[in-house]
């Protein structure tokens, strides 16, 4: 069986207002609040299920994300009030990946096989004759304002991810903030692969490659919380665990093993060439 969960789709809150090229993007409220501007910013394959129960079944979730889009402006996101997990993501610049993160509240697997695979890949092979900024300057504020990438968490009765990324090749992938996970006689496999490759070439004008700023502010969460702000080039934040409770009962044929596997593979490769 092949299931594509709603949380695995590239989602932008209904309240998001996206301007034309060069205009800022803003998102407010909702459990899954995403604001993205720039080039190749992916926010995909993330899981934020309130309750998941798998009994004697096989579940396969696959998501592959690629994004050839090109924009260059600012992003700001503000979380709302939700009775469950919450993701608040603001990304500005080039090749910012926020993929395969999990903030499920309650997961129960019994006599089941669960496979979840998320693949995010962005490749920049552009030729920029005029140069392009990798993010704009932002003020440090408690509320997102114009410039750079800024994210403010909301209030959640569950785990919360607040992520702001600005610049080039910032990866925030495969992180887990689940509240309660119980596996009994089950096999669970989660795999997240993120890759950003910059093969661009171009002529740099003065200030054309400013890295901008990234600002992330905690919200209020009744559960694990992950707050990440990344600015610059090649910043990786991958495979981190802040799970609250995890219980596993091994399968009979492998009493010394636990049927739970997690894998996160993040790579940022810079082969760009720039001449002045």
Protein backbone atom coordinates (compact mmCIF):
# COMPACT_ATOMS: atom_id res chain seq x y z
CA UNK A 1 0.00 0.00 0.00
CA UNK A 2 1.25 3.45 -0.86
CA UNK A 3 -0.09 6.38 1.09
CA UNK A 4 0.73 10.02 0.61
CA UNK A 5 -0.16 11.81 3.84
CA UNK A 6 -1.45 15.33 3.78
CA UNK A 7 1.42 16.38 6.02
CA UNK A 8 3.87 15.19 3.37
CA UNK A 9 2.67 17.67 0.78
CA UNK A 10 4.18 21.07 0.24
CA UNK A 11 1.66 23.12 2.21
CA UNK A 12 1.17 26.82 2.65
CA UNK A 13 -1.41 28.15 5.09
CA UNK A 14 -4.60 29.50 3.53
CA UNK A 15 -3.87 32.88 5.06
CA UNK A 16 -0.58 33.18 3.19
CA UNK A 17 -0.34 36.17 0.89
CA UNK A 18 2.27 35.79 -1.84
CA UNK A 19 3.24 38.78 -3.91
CA UNK A 20 4.72 38.87 -7.36
CA UNK A 21 8.43 38.48 -7.98
CA UNK A 22 10.35 40.86 -5.78
CA UNK A 23 7.49 41.18 -3.25
CA UNK A 24 7.62 39.85 0.29
CA UNK A 25 5.78 36.75 1.47
CA UNK A 26 3.93 36.64 4.77
CA UNK A 27 2.06 33.85 6.56
CA UNK A 28 0.00 34.07 9.73
CA UNK A 29 -1.70 31.47 11.91
CA UNK A 30 -2.55 27.83 11.40
CA UNK A 31 -0.82 24.61 12.46
CA UNK A 32 1.34 24.48 9.33
CA UNK A 33 2.49 28.02 8.56
CA UNK A 34 5.02 28.40 5.76
CA UNK A 35 6.44 31.51 4.15
CA UNK A 36 9.08 31.13 1.45
CA UNK A 37 10.82 33.58 -0.84
CA UNK A 38 13.96 33.28 -2.88
CA UNK A 39 15.22 30.36 -4.90
CA UNK A 40 14.66 26.66 -4.32
CA UNK A 41 13.24 26.76 -0.80
CA UNK A 42 11.67 23.43 0.10
CA UNK A 43 9.39 22.70 3.05
CA UNK A 44 8.18 19.17 2.45
CA UNK A 45 7.65 15.67 3.77
CA UNK A 46 7.09 16.91 7.33
CA UNK A 47 4.81 14.94 9.64
CA UNK A 48 2.59 16.51 12.30
CA UNK A 49 -0.11 13.91 12.94
CA UNK A 50 -2.23 14.27 16.07
CA UNK A 51 -2.93 10.54 16.52
CA UNK A 52 -1.67 7.70 14.32
CA UNK A 53 -2.59 4.05 14.93
CA UNK A 54 -1.30 1.22 12.75
CA UNK A 55 -2.42 -2.30 13.66
CA UNK A 56 -1.43 -5.33 11.55
CA UNK A 57 -0.94 -3.28 8.39
CA UNK A 58 1.70 -2.13 5.95
CA UNK A 59 2.10 1.61 5.39
CA UNK A 60 4.40 3.26 2.91
CA UNK A 61 4.75 7.02 2.57
CA UNK A 62 6.98 8.48 -0.12
CA UNK A 63 7.59 12.11 -0.98
CA UNK A 64 10.05 13.55 -3.47
CA UNK A 65 10.41 17.32 -3.62
CA UNK A 66 12.21 19.38 -6.23
CA UNK A 67 11.77 23.09 -6.86
CA UNK A 68 13.08 25.01 -9.87
CA UNK A 69 11.36 28.22 -8.79
CA UNK A 70 13.15 31.53 -8.59
CA UNK A 71 12.28 34.49 -6.42
CA UNK A 72 14.28 36.92 -4.37
CA UNK A 73 12.50 38.73 -1.57
CA UNK A 74 11.78 38.36 2.14
CA UNK A 75 9.77 35.90 4.20
CA UNK A 76 8.07 36.16 7.58
CA UNK A 77 5.82 33.70 9.41
CA UNK A 78 3.83 33.87 12.64
CA UNK A 79 2.34 30.78 14.32
CA UNK A 80 -1.21 30.71 15.61
CA UNK A 81 -3.00 28.83 18.40
CA UNK A 82 -3.53 25.14 17.67
CA UNK A 83 -4.67 22.08 19.61
CA UNK A 84 -1.86 19.90 18.34
CA UNK A 85 1.59 20.13 16.75
CA UNK A 86 2.72 23.27 14.97
CA UNK A 87 5.27 24.10 12.27
CA UNK A 88 6.25 27.73 11.65
CA UNK A 89 8.74 28.13 8.82
CA UNK A 90 10.20 31.20 7.12
CA UNK A 91 12.80 30.74 4.39
CA UNK A 92 14.49 33.39 2.27
CA UNK A 93 17.43 33.15 -0.10
CA UNK A 94 18.72 30.17 -2.04
CA UNK A 95 18.50 26.42 -1.43
CA UNK A 96 16.96 26.37 2.04
CA UNK A 97 15.60 22.91 2.89
CA UNK A 98 13.29 22.10 5.80
CA UNK A 99 12.30 18.49 5.12
CA UNK A 100 11.36 15.19 6.72
CA UNK A 101 10.84 16.62 10.20
CA UNK A 102 8.45 14.85 12.56
CA UNK A 103 6.31 16.37 15.33
CA UNK A 104 3.68 13.68 15.81
CA UNK A 105 1.81 13.65 19.11
CA UNK A 106 0.75 10.01 19.60
CA UNK A 107 1.91 7.11 17.41
CA UNK A 108 1.01 3.47 18.06
CA UNK A 109 2.32 0.67 15.85
CA UNK A 110 1.37 -2.95 16.58
CA UNK A 111 2.25 -5.91 14.34
CA UNK A 112 2.82 -3.44 11.50
CA UNK A 113 5.39 -2.42 8.94
CA UNK A 114 5.79 1.32 8.43
CA UNK A 115 8.13 2.89 5.90
CA UNK A 116 8.45 6.66 5.49
CA UNK A 117 10.83 8.15 2.95
CA UNK A 118 11.37 11.81 2.12
CA UNK A 119 13.76 13.03 -0.55
CA UNK A 120 14.49 16.73 -1.08
CA UNK A 121 16.88 17.91 -3.75
CA UNK A 122 17.69 21.32 -5.18
CA UNK A 123 20.31 22.01 -7.83
CA UNK A 124 21.22 25.54 -8.90
CA UNK A 125 22.86 25.57 -12.34
CA UNK A 126 21.92 29.18 -13.12
CA UNK A 127 24.12 31.78 -14.74
CA UNK A 128 23.66 35.13 -13.06
CA UNK A 129 25.10 37.98 -15.05
CA UNK A 130 23.88 40.66 -12.67
CA UNK A 131 24.26 38.77 -9.41
CA UNK A 132 21.50 38.05 -6.96
CA UNK A 133 21.33 38.63 -3.24
CA UNK A 134 21.04 35.57 -1.03
CA UNK A 135 18.82 37.31 1.52
CA UNK A 136 18.07 40.75 2.86
CA UNK A 137 18.97 42.35 6.15
CA UNK A 138 16.49 41.95 8.98
CA UNK A 139 16.03 43.63 12.30
CA UNK A 140 15.91 41.51 15.45
CA UNK A 141 12.32 41.70 16.60
CA UNK A 142 9.71 39.78 18.57
CA UNK A 143 7.43 39.93 15.56
CA UNK A 144 8.46 39.29 11.96
CA UNK A 145 9.00 42.41 9.95
CA UNK A 146 10.34 43.23 6.53
CA UNK A 147 13.74 41.90 5.57
CA UNK A 148 15.48 38.56 5.82
CA UNK A 149 13.70 35.52 7.24
CA UNK A 150 11.94 35.72 10.58
CA UNK A 151 9.67 33.19 12.32
CA UNK A 152 7.73 33.44 15.57
CA UNK A 153 6.20 30.33 17.14
CA UNK A 154 2.61 30.34 18.34
CA UNK A 155 0.83 28.42 21.10
CA UNK A 156 0.54 24.66 20.63
CA UNK A 157 -0.83 21.79 22.73
CA UNK A 158 1.84 19.56 21.33
CA UNK A 159 5.34 19.73 19.83
CA UNK A 160 6.49 22.78 17.91
CA UNK A 161 9.05 23.52 15.20
CA UNK A 162 10.06 27.14 14.57
CA UNK A 163 12.56 27.56 11.74
CA UNK A 164 14.04 30.65 10.05
CA UNK A 165 16.59 30.24 7.28
CA UNK A 166 18.30 32.89 5.19
CA UNK A 167 21.25 32.65 2.82
CA UNK A 168 22.52 29.71 0.79
CA UNK A 169 22.28 25.97 1.37
CA UNK A 170 20.80 25.90 4.85
CA UNK A 171 19.52 22.40 5.65
CA UNK A 172 17.19 21.59 8.56
CA UNK A 173 16.20 17.97 7.94
CA UNK A 174 15.20 14.71 9.59
CA UNK A 175 14.64 16.23 13.02
CA UNK A 176 12.17 14.61 15.41
CA UNK A 177 10.11 16.14 18.22
CA UNK A 178 7.50 13.43 18.73
CA UNK A 179 5.67 13.27 22.07
CA UNK A 180 4.73 9.60 22.52
CA UNK A 181 5.69 6.66 20.28
CA UNK A 182 4.89 3.02 21.00
CA UNK A 183 6.06 0.15 18.78
CA UNK A 184 5.08 -3.43 19.59
CA UNK A 185 6.33 -6.25 17.37
CA UNK A 186 6.57 -3.76 14.50
CA UNK A 187 9.17 -2.66 11.99
CA UNK A 188 9.43 1.10 11.51
CA UNK A 189 11.82 2.76 9.08
CA UNK A 190 12.15 6.52 8.51
CA UNK A 191 14.58 7.91 5.96
CA UNK A 192 15.20 11.56 5.08
CA UNK A 193 17.60 12.65 2.35
CA UNK A 194 18.32 16.34 1.72
CA UNK A 195 20.79 17.56 -0.88
CA UNK A 196 21.59 21.09 -2.03
CA UNK A 197 24.05 21.55 -4.90
CA UNK A 198 25.15 24.99 -6.10
CA UNK A 199 26.70 24.94 -9.58
CA UNK A 200 25.81 28.52 -10.37
CA UNK A 201 28.14 31.00 -12.03
CA UNK A 202 27.83 34.72 -12.36
CA UNK A 203 29.24 38.20 -12.09
CA UNK A 204 29.07 39.64 -8.58
CA UNK A 205 28.14 43.26 -8.07
CA UNK A 206 29.12 44.98 -4.80
CA UNK A 207 26.92 43.55 -2.04
CA UNK A 208 25.27 41.06 -4.40
CA UNK A 209 25.90 38.12 -2.10
CA UNK A 210 24.86 39.53 1.27
CA UNK A 211 23.65 36.71 3.47
CA UNK A 212 20.87 38.56 5.24
CA UNK A 213 19.71 37.64 8.74
CA UNK A 214 17.58 34.88 10.21
CA UNK A 215 15.55 35.35 13.38
CA UNK A 216 13.53 32.64 15.18
CA UNK A 217 11.55 33.24 18.37
CA UNK A 218 10.11 30.51 20.62
CA UNK A 219 6.41 30.04 21.03
CA UNK A 220 4.60 28.22 23.86
CA UNK A 221 4.40 24.45 23.47
CA UNK A 222 3.08 21.66 25.71
CA UNK A 223 5.59 19.21 24.29
CA UNK A 224 9.06 19.06 22.71
CA UNK A 225 10.23 22.21 20.97
CA UNK A 226 12.79 22.84 18.26
CA UNK A 227 13.82 26.39 17.36
CA UNK A 228 16.35 26.92 14.58
CA UNK A 229 17.77 30.07 12.97
CA UNK A 230 20.34 29.65 10.21
CA UNK A 231 22.17 32.31 8.27
CA UNK A 232 24.97 32.06 5.72
CA UNK A 233 26.32 29.16 3.70
CA UNK A 234 26.40 25.42 4.41
CA UNK A 235 24.56 25.39 7.74
CA UNK A 236 23.35 21.87 8.52
CA UNK A 237 20.96 20.93 11.32
CA UNK A 238 20.01 17.31 10.75
CA UNK A 239 18.84 14.17 12.48
CA UNK A 240 18.33 15.73 15.90
CA UNK A 241 16.02 14.01 18.38
CA UNK A 242 13.98 15.70 21.07
CA UNK A 243 11.36 12.97 21.46
CA UNK A 244 9.61 12.94 24.82
CA UNK A 245 8.69 9.25 25.22
CA UNK A 246 9.59 6.31 23.00
CA UNK A 247 8.74 2.68 23.84
CA UNK A 248 9.62 -0.33 21.69
CA UNK A 249 8.94 -4.03 22.22
CA UNK A 250 11.34 -6.09 20.09
CA UNK A 251 10.19 -8.72 17.67
CA UNK A 252 10.45 -12.33 18.92
CA UNK A 253 13.04 -13.44 16.35
CA UNK A 254 15.36 -10.55 17.29
CA UNK A 255 15.09 -10.12 21.08
CA UNK A 256 18.15 -7.89 21.25
CA UNK A 257 17.02 -5.50 18.53
CA UNK A 258 14.47 -2.74 18.35
CA UNK A 259 12.36 -2.57 15.21
CA UNK A 260 12.80 1.17 14.80
CA UNK A 261 15.20 2.75 12.35
CA UNK A 262 15.78 6.45 11.66
CA UNK A 263 18.13 7.79 9.02
CA UNK A 264 18.92 11.39 8.03
CA UNK A 265 21.36 12.24 5.24
CA UNK A 266 22.06 15.92 4.55
CA UNK A 267 24.58 17.21 2.03
CA UNK A 268 25.38 20.74 0.87
CA UNK A 269 27.78 21.03 -2.07
CA UNK A 270 29.09 24.36 -3.35
CA UNK A 271 30.66 24.26 -6.82
CA UNK A 272 29.72 27.81 -7.67
CA UNK A 273 32.01 30.22 -9.48
CA UNK A 274 31.76 33.97 -9.13
CA UNK A 275 33.89 36.61 -10.80
CA UNK A 276 34.08 40.30 -9.99
